[in-house]
Amino acid sequence: MADLTKISKIFSNEITPKMRFAGLFSYSNTNTYCVDLGGNIILRISSLGFPHGRIYFTDNENPPNDIQIPTGITITNVTRNRPVAPVFLRPFGDFIISYPLSYEITFNNKVVVGLVDQEQSVVEIANHLHYFVE
């Protein structure tokens, strides 16, 4: 298991002042990284098998129900400074992400999540949000 304090210090120069270190997402394992955006909206990041992943949304029920991509969500590939378009392979929509690119997720014009890429993406979230891994 990685020493998160050490990793946090390594990446601290890459995290914006309004964001904080919030763990790691890996394209290589089966964990789903979750961020509670409030208002019964959970942003989920999961691997599709290296080097691809997906970002999708659920409610906070147990078990969670998939929901439409919320109004106000945008994802930017910051490595190439391009928007990421949603894909609709499922009825509710996903965003496909890939290693070795970095991403920024905004909700209602506020940056809420950043994926600063290394082989595992450092996940940074707005200070007022909470996260969990399933």
N, C-alpha and C. Protein backbone atom coordinates (compact mmCIF):
# COMPACT_ATOMS: atom_id res chain seq x y z
N MET A 1 0.85 -1.19 0.00
CA MET A 1 0.00 0.00 0.00
C MET A 1 0.89 1.24 0.00
N ALA A 2 0.57 2.20 -0.83
CA ALA A 2 1.35 3.42 -0.95
C ALA A 2 1.17 4.30 0.28
N ASP A 3 2.21 5.02 0.64
CA ASP A 3 2.15 5.99 1.73
C ASP A 3 1.50 7.25 1.18
N LEU A 4 0.22 7.47 1.51
CA LEU A 4 -0.53 8.59 0.93
C LEU A 4 0.02 9.94 1.36
N THR A 5 0.60 10.05 2.55
CA THR A 5 1.20 11.31 2.97
C THR A 5 2.37 11.66 2.07
N LYS A 6 3.21 10.68 1.79
CA LYS A 6 4.36 10.89 0.92
C LYS A 6 3.89 11.24 -0.50
N ILE A 7 2.90 10.50 -1.01
CA ILE A 7 2.37 10.76 -2.34
C ILE A 7 1.76 12.15 -2.39
N SER A 8 1.02 12.52 -1.35
CA SER A 8 0.41 13.85 -1.31
C SER A 8 1.47 14.94 -1.43
N LYS A 9 2.59 14.77 -0.73
CA LYS A 9 3.67 15.75 -0.79
C LYS A 9 4.30 15.79 -2.17
N ILE A 10 4.45 14.63 -2.80
CA ILE A 10 5.04 14.57 -4.14
C ILE A 10 4.20 15.35 -5.13
N PHE A 11 2.87 15.21 -5.04
CA PHE A 11 1.99 15.83 -6.01
C PHE A 11 1.46 17.19 -5.56
N SER A 12 1.86 17.66 -4.39
CA SER A 12 1.28 18.90 -3.86
C SER A 12 1.51 20.08 -4.78
N ASN A 13 2.60 20.09 -5.54
CA ASN A 13 2.83 21.20 -6.45
C ASN A 13 1.91 21.14 -7.67
N GLU A 14 1.24 20.01 -7.90
CA GLU A 14 0.35 19.88 -9.04
C GLU A 14 -1.11 20.13 -8.67
N ILE A 15 -1.42 20.20 -7.39
CA ILE A 15 -2.79 20.37 -6.96
C ILE A 15 -3.06 21.85 -6.76
N THR A 16 -4.17 22.31 -7.32
CA THR A 16 -4.49 23.73 -7.24
C THR A 16 -4.82 24.12 -5.81
N PRO A 17 -4.69 25.40 -5.45
CA PRO A 17 -4.93 25.82 -4.06
C PRO A 17 -6.33 25.51 -3.54
N LYS A 18 -7.33 25.43 -4.41
CA LYS A 18 -8.70 25.17 -3.96
C LYS A 18 -9.01 23.67 -3.94
N MET A 19 -8.03 22.86 -4.20
CA MET A 19 -8.22 21.41 -4.24
C MET A 19 -7.33 20.78 -3.19
N ARG A 20 -7.68 19.54 -2.82
CA ARG A 20 -6.85 18.81 -1.87
C ARG A 20 -6.64 17.39 -2.37
N PHE A 21 -5.56 16.78 -1.94
CA PHE A 21 -5.26 15.41 -2.30
C PHE A 21 -6.35 14.51 -1.76
N ALA A 22 -6.86 13.61 -2.60
CA ALA A 22 -7.97 12.75 -2.17
C ALA A 22 -7.77 11.30 -2.62
N GLY A 23 -6.55 10.84 -2.62
CA GLY A 23 -6.31 9.44 -2.93
C GLY A 23 -5.93 9.22 -4.38
N LEU A 24 -5.95 7.94 -4.78
CA LEU A 24 -5.51 7.54 -6.10
C LEU A 24 -6.58 6.75 -6.83
N PHE A 25 -6.66 6.96 -8.13
CA PHE A 25 -7.47 6.13 -9.01
C PHE A 25 -6.51 5.39 -9.92
N SER A 26 -6.71 4.09 -10.09
CA SER A 26 -5.86 3.29 -10.96
C SER A 26 -6.65 2.72 -12.12
N TYR A 27 -6.07 2.82 -13.32
CA TYR A 27 -6.65 2.18 -14.50
C TYR A 27 -6.45 0.67 -14.46
N SER A 28 -5.66 0.19 -13.51
CA SER A 28 -5.25 -1.22 -13.47
C SER A 28 -5.97 -2.07 -12.44
N ASN A 29 -6.89 -1.52 -11.66
CA ASN A 29 -7.59 -2.37 -10.68
C ASN A 29 -9.10 -2.20 -10.81
N THR A 30 -9.83 -2.92 -9.98
CA THR A 30 -11.29 -2.93 -10.10
C THR A 30 -12.00 -2.01 -9.13
N ASN A 31 -11.25 -1.20 -8.37
CA ASN A 31 -11.89 -0.26 -7.45
C ASN A 31 -12.63 0.82 -8.23
N THR A 32 -13.74 1.25 -7.68
CA THR A 32 -14.47 2.40 -8.23
C THR A 32 -14.25 3.57 -7.29
N TYR A 33 -13.74 4.66 -7.81
CA TYR A 33 -13.47 5.86 -7.02
C TYR A 33 -14.71 6.73 -7.07
N CYS A 34 -15.20 7.17 -5.94
CA CYS A 34 -16.48 7.89 -5.88
C CYS A 34 -16.32 9.24 -5.19
N VAL A 35 -16.99 10.25 -5.74
CA VAL A 35 -17.01 11.58 -5.13
C VAL A 35 -18.46 12.01 -4.97
N ASP A 36 -18.84 12.33 -3.75
CA ASP A 36 -20.19 12.80 -3.46
C ASP A 36 -20.27 14.28 -3.81
N LEU A 37 -20.98 14.61 -4.89
CA LEU A 37 -21.11 16.00 -5.33
C LEU A 37 -22.23 16.73 -4.62
N GLY A 38 -22.97 16.04 -3.76
CA GLY A 38 -24.12 16.65 -3.09
C GLY A 38 -25.36 16.52 -3.96
N GLY A 39 -26.50 16.82 -3.39
CA GLY A 39 -27.75 16.77 -4.15
C GLY A 39 -28.07 15.40 -4.71
N ASN A 40 -27.65 14.32 -3.98
CA ASN A 40 -27.92 12.95 -4.39
C ASN A 40 -27.21 12.59 -5.70
N ILE A 41 -26.02 13.15 -5.93
CA ILE A 41 -25.23 12.88 -7.12
C ILE A 41 -23.86 12.36 -6.70
N ILE A 42 -23.53 11.15 -7.15
CA ILE A 42 -22.22 10.55 -6.92
C ILE A 42 -21.52 10.43 -8.27
N LEU A 43 -20.33 11.03 -8.38
CA LEU A 43 -19.48 10.86 -9.55
C LEU A 43 -18.65 9.62 -9.32
N ARG A 44 -18.61 8.72 -10.28
CA ARG A 44 -17.86 7.47 -10.14
C ARG A 44 -16.84 7.35 -11.26
N ILE A 45 -15.64 6.89 -10.89
CA ILE A 45 -14.56 6.68 -11.84
C ILE A 45 -14.15 5.22 -11.72
N SER A 46 -14.19 4.49 -12.84
CA SER A 46 -13.81 3.08 -12.78
C SER A 46 -12.99 2.72 -14.02
N SER A 47 -12.22 1.66 -13.88
CA SER A 47 -11.38 1.19 -14.97
C SER A 47 -12.21 0.38 -15.96
N LEU A 48 -11.86 0.54 -17.23
CA LEU A 48 -12.40 -0.33 -18.27
C LEU A 48 -11.32 -1.32 -18.71
N GLY A 49 -10.25 -1.39 -17.95
CA GLY A 49 -9.07 -2.17 -18.31
C GLY A 49 -8.03 -1.22 -18.87
N PHE A 50 -6.82 -1.37 -18.37
CA PHE A 50 -5.74 -0.46 -18.75
C PHE A 50 -5.65 -0.35 -20.26
N PRO A 51 -5.58 0.83 -20.86
CA PRO A 51 -5.39 2.15 -20.29
C PRO A 51 -6.64 3.02 -20.28
N HIS A 52 -7.82 2.44 -20.19
CA HIS A 52 -9.05 3.24 -20.28
C HIS A 52 -9.88 3.16 -19.00
N GLY A 53 -10.64 4.22 -18.77
CA GLY A 53 -11.56 4.26 -17.64
C GLY A 53 -12.82 4.99 -18.06
N ARG A 54 -13.76 5.03 -17.15
CA ARG A 54 -15.00 5.75 -17.44
C ARG A 54 -15.42 6.55 -16.22
N ILE A 55 -16.08 7.65 -16.50
CA ILE A 55 -16.68 8.49 -15.47
C ILE A 55 -18.17 8.43 -15.70
N TYR A 56 -18.91 8.12 -14.66
CA TYR A 56 -20.37 8.04 -14.77
C TYR A 56 -20.97 8.49 -13.45
N PHE A 57 -22.30 8.52 -13.37
CA PHE A 57 -22.98 9.11 -12.22
C PHE A 57 -24.07 8.19 -11.70
N THR A 58 -24.22 8.20 -10.36
CA THR A 58 -25.29 7.44 -9.71
C THR A 58 -25.91 8.33 -8.64
N ASP A 59 -27.01 7.83 -8.08
CA ASP A 59 -27.55 8.47 -6.88
C ASP A 59 -26.81 7.87 -5.69
N ASN A 60 -27.19 8.25 -4.47
CA ASN A 60 -26.48 7.71 -3.31
C ASN A 60 -27.29 6.64 -2.57
N GLU A 61 -28.19 5.98 -3.28
CA GLU A 61 -28.95 4.87 -2.69
C GLU A 61 -28.02 3.67 -2.49
N ASN A 62 -28.48 2.69 -1.71
CA ASN A 62 -27.71 1.47 -1.51
C ASN A 62 -28.58 0.29 -1.90
N PRO A 63 -28.37 -0.37 -3.03
CA PRO A 63 -27.32 -0.13 -4.02
C PRO A 63 -27.63 1.11 -4.87
N PRO A 64 -26.58 1.71 -5.45
CA PRO A 64 -26.79 2.94 -6.22
C PRO A 64 -27.50 2.68 -7.54
N ASN A 65 -28.25 3.69 -7.98
CA ASN A 65 -28.92 3.65 -9.28
C ASN A 65 -28.19 4.58 -10.23
N ASP A 66 -27.91 4.10 -11.45
CA ASP A 66 -27.31 4.97 -12.45
C ASP A 66 -28.25 6.12 -12.75
N ILE A 67 -27.66 7.30 -13.01
CA ILE A 67 -28.45 8.48 -13.36
C ILE A 67 -27.84 9.14 -14.60
N GLN A 68 -28.61 10.01 -15.23
CA GLN A 68 -28.14 10.78 -16.37
C GLN A 68 -26.95 11.63 -15.95
N ILE A 69 -26.10 11.96 -16.92
CA ILE A 69 -25.03 12.91 -16.65
C ILE A 69 -25.70 14.20 -16.19
N PRO A 70 -25.37 14.68 -14.99
CA PRO A 70 -26.06 15.87 -14.47
C PRO A 70 -25.82 17.12 -15.33
N THR A 71 -26.84 17.94 -15.41
CA THR A 71 -26.69 19.23 -16.06
C THR A 71 -25.60 20.01 -15.33
N GLY A 72 -24.73 20.65 -16.07
CA GLY A 72 -23.66 21.44 -15.46
C GLY A 72 -22.33 20.71 -15.36
N ILE A 73 -22.28 19.43 -15.75
CA ILE A 73 -21.02 18.68 -15.71
C ILE A 73 -20.29 18.86 -17.04
N THR A 74 -19.02 19.22 -16.95
CA THR A 74 -18.14 19.23 -18.12
C THR A 74 -16.82 18.58 -17.72
N ILE A 75 -16.22 17.90 -18.68
CA ILE A 75 -14.92 17.28 -18.44
C ILE A 75 -13.97 17.77 -19.52
N THR A 76 -12.78 18.18 -19.07
CA THR A 76 -11.78 18.69 -19.99
C THR A 76 -10.53 17.83 -19.91
N ASN A 77 -10.01 17.44 -21.05
CA ASN A 77 -8.71 16.79 -21.14
C ASN A 77 -7.71 17.94 -21.04
N VAL A 78 -7.11 18.14 -19.86
CA VAL A 78 -6.22 19.29 -19.67
C VAL A 78 -4.86 19.07 -20.31
N THR A 79 -4.50 17.83 -20.58
CA THR A 79 -3.25 17.55 -21.27
C THR A 79 -3.28 18.16 -22.67
N ARG A 80 -4.41 18.06 -23.32
CA ARG A 80 -4.56 18.57 -24.70
C ARG A 80 -5.48 19.78 -24.80
N ASN A 81 -5.98 20.25 -23.65
CA ASN A 81 -6.88 21.40 -23.59
C ASN A 81 -8.09 21.23 -24.52
N ARG A 82 -8.76 20.08 -24.37
CA ARG A 82 -9.94 19.77 -25.19
C ARG A 82 -11.07 19.22 -24.32
N PRO A 83 -12.30 19.57 -24.69
CA PRO A 83 -13.43 18.99 -23.94
C PRO A 83 -13.55 17.50 -24.25
N VAL A 84 -14.07 16.76 -23.26
CA VAL A 84 -14.35 15.33 -23.45
C VAL A 84 -15.85 15.20 -23.68
N ALA A 85 -16.22 14.63 -24.80
CA ALA A 85 -17.64 14.45 -25.13
C ALA A 85 -18.17 13.18 -24.45
N PRO A 86 -19.40 13.23 -23.97
CA PRO A 86 -19.98 12.01 -23.40
C PRO A 86 -20.27 10.99 -24.50
N VAL A 87 -20.26 9.72 -24.12
CA VAL A 87 -20.67 8.64 -25.01
C VAL A 87 -21.89 7.98 -24.39
N PHE A 88 -22.74 7.43 -25.22
CA PHE A 88 -23.99 6.85 -24.72
C PHE A 88 -24.08 5.37 -25.10
N LEU A 89 -23.12 4.60 -24.58
CA LEU A 89 -23.15 3.16 -24.75
C LEU A 89 -24.19 2.55 -23.81
N ARG A 90 -24.48 3.27 -22.75
CA ARG A 90 -25.54 2.93 -21.80
C ARG A 90 -26.54 4.08 -21.88
N PRO A 91 -27.75 3.88 -21.44
CA PRO A 91 -28.76 4.93 -21.58
C PRO A 91 -28.43 6.25 -20.88
N PHE A 92 -27.63 6.20 -19.81
CA PHE A 92 -27.41 7.40 -19.02
C PHE A 92 -26.16 8.18 -19.39
N GLY A 93 -25.26 7.60 -20.14
CA GLY A 93 -24.06 8.29 -20.60
C GLY A 93 -22.85 8.12 -19.70
N ASP A 94 -21.69 8.11 -20.32
CA ASP A 94 -20.40 7.99 -19.66
C ASP A 94 -19.43 8.96 -20.32
N PHE A 95 -18.34 9.22 -19.64
CA PHE A 95 -17.20 9.89 -20.24
C PHE A 95 -16.06 8.87 -20.22
N ILE A 96 -15.38 8.69 -21.35
CA ILE A 96 -14.27 7.75 -21.42
C ILE A 96 -12.98 8.53 -21.21
N ILE A 97 -12.13 8.03 -20.31
CA ILE A 97 -10.85 8.67 -20.03
C ILE A 97 -9.74 7.66 -20.31
N SER A 98 -8.54 8.16 -20.54
CA SER A 98 -7.42 7.28 -20.90
C SER A 98 -6.12 7.74 -20.28
N TYR A 99 -5.30 6.76 -19.92
CA TYR A 99 -3.92 7.01 -19.51
C TYR A 99 -3.14 7.32 -20.78
N PRO A 100 -2.23 8.27 -20.83
CA PRO A 100 -1.64 9.04 -19.76
C PRO A 100 -2.12 10.49 -19.72
N LEU A 101 -3.39 10.73 -19.89
CA LEU A 101 -3.92 12.09 -19.94
C LEU A 101 -4.43 12.54 -18.57
N SER A 102 -4.45 13.86 -18.36
CA SER A 102 -5.00 14.44 -17.13
C SER A 102 -6.32 15.11 -17.44
N TYR A 103 -7.22 15.14 -16.45
CA TYR A 103 -8.58 15.64 -16.67
C TYR A 103 -9.00 16.59 -15.55
N GLU A 104 -9.95 17.45 -15.89
CA GLU A 104 -10.55 18.35 -14.92
C GLU A 104 -12.07 18.25 -15.09
N ILE A 105 -12.78 18.08 -13.99
CA ILE A 105 -14.23 17.93 -14.03
C ILE A 105 -14.84 19.14 -13.35
N THR A 106 -15.73 19.81 -14.05
CA THR A 106 -16.41 20.97 -13.47
C THR A 106 -17.88 20.65 -13.31
N PHE A 107 -18.47 21.23 -12.28
CA PHE A 107 -19.89 21.08 -12.00
C PHE A 107 -20.42 22.48 -11.72
N ASN A 108 -21.35 22.92 -12.55
CA ASN A 108 -21.89 24.27 -12.44
C ASN A 108 -20.77 25.32 -12.43
N ASN A 109 -19.85 25.17 -13.38
CA ASN A 109 -18.74 26.10 -13.61
C ASN A 109 -17.70 26.16 -12.49
N LYS A 110 -17.69 25.18 -11.59
CA LYS A 110 -16.67 25.11 -10.54
C LYS A 110 -15.91 23.81 -10.69
N VAL A 111 -14.59 23.89 -10.65
CA VAL A 111 -13.77 22.68 -10.72
C VAL A 111 -14.00 21.89 -9.44
N VAL A 112 -14.43 20.63 -9.58
CA VAL A 112 -14.71 19.80 -8.41
C VAL A 112 -13.78 18.60 -8.31
N VAL A 113 -13.26 18.12 -9.44
CA VAL A 113 -12.38 16.96 -9.43
C VAL A 113 -11.30 17.16 -10.49
N GLY A 114 -10.07 16.79 -10.13
CA GLY A 114 -8.98 16.76 -11.09
C GLY A 114 -8.33 15.40 -11.05
N LEU A 115 -7.99 14.87 -12.22
CA LEU A 115 -7.23 13.63 -12.31
C LEU A 115 -5.87 14.01 -12.88
N VAL A 116 -4.89 14.11 -12.00
CA VAL A 116 -3.54 14.48 -12.38
C VAL A 116 -2.81 13.18 -12.66
N ASP A 117 -2.49 12.93 -13.92
CA ASP A 117 -2.05 11.60 -14.28
C ASP A 117 -0.61 11.29 -13.97
N GLN A 118 -0.44 10.17 -13.41
CA GLN A 118 0.77 9.37 -13.33
C GLN A 118 0.20 8.02 -13.75
N GLU A 119 0.86 6.90 -13.63
CA GLU A 119 0.19 5.67 -14.05
C GLU A 119 -1.07 5.45 -13.22
N GLN A 120 -1.06 5.91 -11.99
CA GLN A 120 -2.29 6.02 -11.23
C GLN A 120 -2.60 7.50 -11.20
N SER A 121 -3.83 7.87 -11.41
CA SER A 121 -4.19 9.28 -11.38
C SER A 121 -4.36 9.75 -9.95
N VAL A 122 -3.72 10.86 -9.63
CA VAL A 122 -3.97 11.51 -8.35
C VAL A 122 -5.32 12.19 -8.48
N VAL A 123 -6.21 11.93 -7.57
CA VAL A 123 -7.54 12.54 -7.61
C VAL A 123 -7.53 13.71 -6.64
N GLU A 124 -7.94 14.87 -7.14
CA GLU A 124 -8.08 16.03 -6.28
C GLU A 124 -9.51 16.51 -6.38
N ILE A 125 -10.07 16.94 -5.26
CA ILE A 125 -11.46 17.36 -5.22
C ILE A 125 -11.56 18.69 -4.49
N ALA A 126 -12.65 19.39 -4.74
CA ALA A 126 -12.89 20.65 -4.04
C ALA A 126 -12.92 20.39 -2.53
N ASN A 127 -12.43 21.34 -1.76
CA ASN A 127 -12.27 21.17 -0.31
C ASN A 127 -13.55 20.81 0.42
N HIS A 128 -14.70 21.23 -0.07
CA HIS A 128 -15.96 20.97 0.64
C HIS A 128 -16.58 19.61 0.32
N LEU A 129 -15.99 18.84 -0.60
CA LEU A 129 -16.56 17.56 -1.01
C LEU A 129 -15.94 16.41 -0.23
N HIS A 130 -16.62 15.25 -0.22
CA HIS A 130 -16.14 14.04 0.42
C HIS A 130 -16.05 12.95 -0.63
N TYR A 131 -15.18 11.97 -0.42
CA TYR A 131 -15.01 10.89 -1.38
C TYR A 131 -14.95 9.56 -0.67
N PHE A 132 -15.10 8.49 -1.46
CA PHE A 132 -14.94 7.14 -0.93
C PHE A 132 -14.58 6.22 -2.08
N VAL A 133 -14.05 5.04 -1.77
CA VAL A 133 -13.67 4.03 -2.75
C VAL A 133 -14.43 2.77 -2.43
N GLU A 134 -15.00 2.16 -3.45
CA GLU A 134 -15.75 0.91 -3.23
C GLU A 134 -14.97 -0.26 -3.78
